[in-house]
Amino acid sequence: MREARVSRETLETRVEVWVRLDGRGEVEASTGLGFFDHMVETMLFYASYDASVRALEKKAVGGHHVIEDVGLVLGQAVREALGRGYARFGYAIVPMDESLALAAVDISGRPRWVVEMGGGSVGGVPVEDLSHFIESIASAMRASIHVMLMRRGNRHHDVEAVFKALGMALGQATKSADRLLSTKGSL
């Protein structure tokens, strides 16, 4: 089974993630940040992963550290669960009512990210923290992740379209494959 369990504890947070890549989208997230939980569950559901994400903020300074650390631990768990053969590339364009989002993933071993989601906040969570969450996943997965909000509308719809697209792109990129695509022969 392609699954991993990873935890991280700092003076600020305690995060535990279990993920199974070949799942059915059975996900539970509990971070103390309701809207963030909704986005994590949405992303992992659309990736078709089974997962449990638990986070505790030990030092109450706002949700930024929880969001960042969940991204780091989740990215590491996905990387550890991958195994040797995976599709490597994934992409999706997802509408949600008036909003339209694009996400593309290359699990290349070279962490890069371009995240264009705009500003503001949704459900009490700053969008810049959600962008940083995606950056943290890319860093820990050692993946190139591009996310672009192509058409904006209701901020909740905007952000949810992004997380659905990212989930679908991650699901494609992490699908089991007989060989790893690379003209170099390895990554």
Protein backbone atom coordinates (compact mmCIF):
# COMPACT_ATOMS: atom_id res chain seq x y z
CA MET A 1 0.00 0.00 0.00
CA ARG A 2 1.17 3.47 -0.84
CA GLU A 3 0.62 5.19 2.47
CA ALA A 4 2.58 7.11 5.07
CA ARG A 5 2.21 8.47 8.57
CA VAL A 6 4.21 11.61 9.43
CA SER A 7 4.22 13.84 12.50
CA ARG A 8 5.95 17.06 13.40
CA GLU A 9 6.10 18.87 16.71
CA THR A 10 7.50 22.32 17.32
CA LEU A 11 7.08 24.82 20.13
CA GLU A 12 4.14 26.23 18.14
CA THR A 13 2.28 23.21 16.74
CA ARG A 14 1.79 19.46 16.79
CA VAL A 15 0.73 17.93 13.44
CA GLU A 16 -0.05 14.32 12.56
CA VAL A 17 -0.93 13.19 9.04
CA TRP A 18 -1.78 9.77 7.70
CA VAL A 19 -2.36 9.44 3.96
CA ARG A 20 -3.16 6.57 1.59
CA LEU A 21 -2.71 7.60 -2.04
CA ASP A 22 -4.82 4.82 -3.54
CA GLY A 23 -7.95 5.63 -1.60
CA ARG A 24 -11.58 6.58 -2.04
CA GLY A 25 -11.54 10.14 -0.74
CA GLU A 26 -12.34 9.31 2.87
CA VAL A 27 -10.80 12.28 4.67
CA GLU A 28 -11.00 13.84 8.10
CA ALA A 29 -9.20 17.07 9.00
CA SER A 30 -9.16 18.66 12.45
CA THR A 31 -6.93 21.70 12.83
CA GLY A 32 -9.07 24.09 14.85
CA LEU A 33 -9.59 26.20 11.71
CA GLY A 34 -12.97 25.29 10.23
CA PHE A 35 -12.57 26.75 6.75
CA PHE A 36 -9.03 25.39 6.46
CA ASP A 37 -10.31 21.92 7.44
CA HIS A 38 -12.92 22.24 4.68
CA MET A 39 -10.23 23.09 2.08
CA VAL A 40 -7.87 20.29 3.19
CA GLU A 41 -10.73 17.79 3.08
CA THR A 42 -11.82 19.11 -0.33
CA MET A 43 -8.32 18.87 -1.81
CA LEU A 44 -7.66 15.34 -0.50
CA PHE A 45 -11.14 14.15 -1.51
CA TYR A 46 -10.61 15.31 -5.11
CA ALA A 47 -7.17 13.64 -5.10
CA SER A 48 -9.00 10.41 -4.10
CA TYR A 49 -6.72 9.99 -1.09
CA ASP A 50 -7.80 8.53 2.24
CA ALA A 51 -6.35 10.70 4.97
CA SER A 52 -6.41 11.91 8.53
CA VAL A 53 -5.00 15.35 9.33
CA ARG A 54 -4.74 16.48 12.95
CA ALA A 55 -3.15 19.69 14.17
CA LEU A 56 -2.92 21.44 17.50
CA GLU A 57 -1.77 25.01 17.91
CA LYS A 58 0.35 24.93 21.08
CA LYS A 59 1.13 28.64 21.07
CA ALA A 60 -1.96 30.69 20.23
CA VAL A 61 -0.67 33.28 17.75
CA GLY A 62 -3.16 32.76 14.94
CA GLY A 63 -3.55 30.00 12.38
CA HIS A 64 -0.52 30.78 10.19
CA HIS A 65 1.80 28.24 11.84
CA VAL A 66 -0.82 25.50 11.84
CA ILE A 67 -1.52 26.04 8.14
CA GLU A 68 2.18 26.10 7.23
CA ASP A 69 3.05 23.02 9.30
CA VAL A 70 0.09 21.01 7.97
CA GLY A 71 1.36 21.77 4.44
CA LEU A 72 4.88 20.64 5.31
CA VAL A 73 3.75 17.42 6.98
CA LEU A 74 1.17 16.60 4.30
CA GLY A 75 3.72 17.19 1.53
CA GLN A 76 6.25 14.94 3.28
CA ALA A 77 3.63 12.21 3.79
CA VAL A 78 2.65 12.25 0.11
CA ARG A 79 6.34 12.11 -0.90
CA GLU A 80 7.00 9.17 1.41
CA ALA A 81 3.90 7.30 0.19
CA LEU A 82 4.74 7.68 -3.52
CA GLY A 83 6.94 4.67 -4.07
CA ARG A 84 9.06 4.28 -7.20
CA GLY A 85 6.57 4.56 -10.06
CA TYR A 86 4.08 7.39 -10.36
CA ALA A 87 2.58 9.42 -13.20
CA ARG A 88 4.59 12.54 -12.20
CA PHE A 89 2.39 15.11 -14.00
CA GLY A 90 -1.17 16.19 -13.26
CA TYR A 91 -3.37 19.12 -14.14
CA ALA A 92 -6.95 20.28 -13.84
CA ILE A 93 -9.14 23.22 -14.74
CA VAL A 94 -12.12 23.44 -12.41
CA PRO A 95 -15.12 25.77 -12.46
CA MET A 96 -17.13 26.50 -9.35
CA ASP A 97 -20.07 28.61 -10.38
CA GLU A 98 -18.54 31.89 -11.59
CA SER A 99 -14.98 31.03 -10.47
CA LEU A 100 -12.43 29.14 -12.59
CA ALA A 101 -9.13 27.69 -11.32
CA LEU A 102 -6.18 25.93 -12.94
CA ALA A 103 -3.67 23.71 -11.14
CA ALA A 104 -0.66 21.84 -12.53
CA VAL A 105 1.74 19.53 -10.68
CA ASP A 106 5.12 18.03 -11.64
CA ILE A 107 6.66 15.78 -8.99
CA SER A 108 10.13 16.45 -10.33
CA GLY A 109 12.31 16.60 -7.23
CA ARG A 110 12.68 20.34 -7.82
CA PRO A 111 10.44 22.35 -5.48
CA ARG A 112 8.94 25.40 -7.15
CA TRP A 113 5.60 27.11 -6.83
CA VAL A 114 3.56 29.81 -8.47
CA VAL A 115 0.36 30.56 -6.60
CA GLU A 116 -1.99 33.27 -7.83
CA MET A 117 -5.13 33.37 -5.68
CA GLY A 118 -5.49 37.03 -4.77
CA GLY A 119 -5.95 38.38 -1.27
CA GLY A 120 -8.60 38.84 1.36
CA SER A 121 -9.86 36.16 3.68
CA VAL A 122 -12.47 33.43 3.67
CA GLY A 123 -14.01 31.96 6.80
CA GLY A 124 -11.55 33.91 8.93
CA VAL A 125 -8.54 32.43 7.11
CA PRO A 126 -6.30 34.81 5.14
CA VAL A 127 -5.95 33.72 1.51
CA GLU A 128 -2.21 34.47 1.75
CA ASP A 129 -1.97 31.73 4.41
CA LEU A 130 -3.74 29.30 2.07
CA SER A 131 -1.26 30.25 -0.67
CA HIS A 132 1.56 29.56 1.79
CA PHE A 133 0.00 26.15 2.53
CA ILE A 134 0.33 25.26 -1.16
CA GLU A 135 3.93 26.52 -1.18
CA SER A 136 4.67 24.35 1.89
CA ILE A 137 3.24 21.26 0.16
CA ALA A 138 5.39 21.93 -2.93
CA SER A 139 8.50 22.40 -0.81
CA ALA A 140 8.04 19.20 1.22
CA MET A 141 6.92 17.11 -1.79
CA ARG A 142 9.80 18.48 -3.87
CA ALA A 143 7.27 19.25 -6.57
CA SER A 144 6.55 22.09 -8.95
CA ILE A 145 3.03 23.34 -8.31
CA HIS A 146 1.32 26.07 -10.29
CA VAL A 147 -2.08 27.36 -9.22
CA MET A 148 -3.92 30.16 -10.94
CA LEU A 149 -7.34 31.63 -10.33
CA MET A 150 -8.38 32.37 -13.91
CA ARG A 151 -11.78 33.95 -13.19
CA ARG A 152 -12.79 35.42 -9.86
CA GLY A 153 -16.12 35.81 -8.17
CA ASN A 154 -17.30 34.91 -4.69
CA ARG A 155 -14.12 34.44 -2.59
CA HIS A 156 -15.33 31.13 -1.13
CA HIS A 157 -15.97 29.82 -4.65
CA ASP A 158 -12.57 31.13 -5.80
CA VAL A 159 -10.63 29.33 -3.10
CA GLU A 160 -12.69 26.14 -3.28
CA ALA A 161 -12.18 25.94 -7.06
CA VAL A 162 -8.41 26.22 -6.45
CA PHE A 163 -8.40 23.42 -3.88
CA LYS A 164 -10.56 21.15 -6.06
CA ALA A 165 -8.24 21.72 -9.03
CA LEU A 166 -5.14 21.14 -6.92
CA GLY A 167 -6.62 17.92 -5.51
CA MET A 168 -7.41 16.60 -8.99
CA ALA A 169 -3.91 17.52 -10.25
CA LEU A 170 -2.27 15.83 -7.23
CA GLY A 171 -4.39 12.72 -7.74
CA GLN A 172 -3.27 12.46 -11.37
CA ALA A 173 0.41 13.14 -10.61
CA THR A 174 0.59 10.55 -7.83
CA LYS A 175 -1.23 7.73 -9.66
CA SER A 176 0.78 4.53 -9.63
CA ALA A 177 2.67 3.88 -12.87
CA ASP A 178 4.98 1.18 -14.21
CA ARG A 179 7.72 3.70 -14.85
CA LEU A 180 8.62 7.26 -14.05
CA LEU A 181 8.52 9.61 -17.02
CA SER A 182 11.83 11.40 -17.46
CA THR A 183 14.05 11.82 -20.52
CA LYS A 184 16.97 11.71 -18.06
CA GLY A 185 16.02 8.23 -16.93
CA SER A 186 15.62 9.37 -13.32
CA LEU A 187 14.76 12.45 -11.32
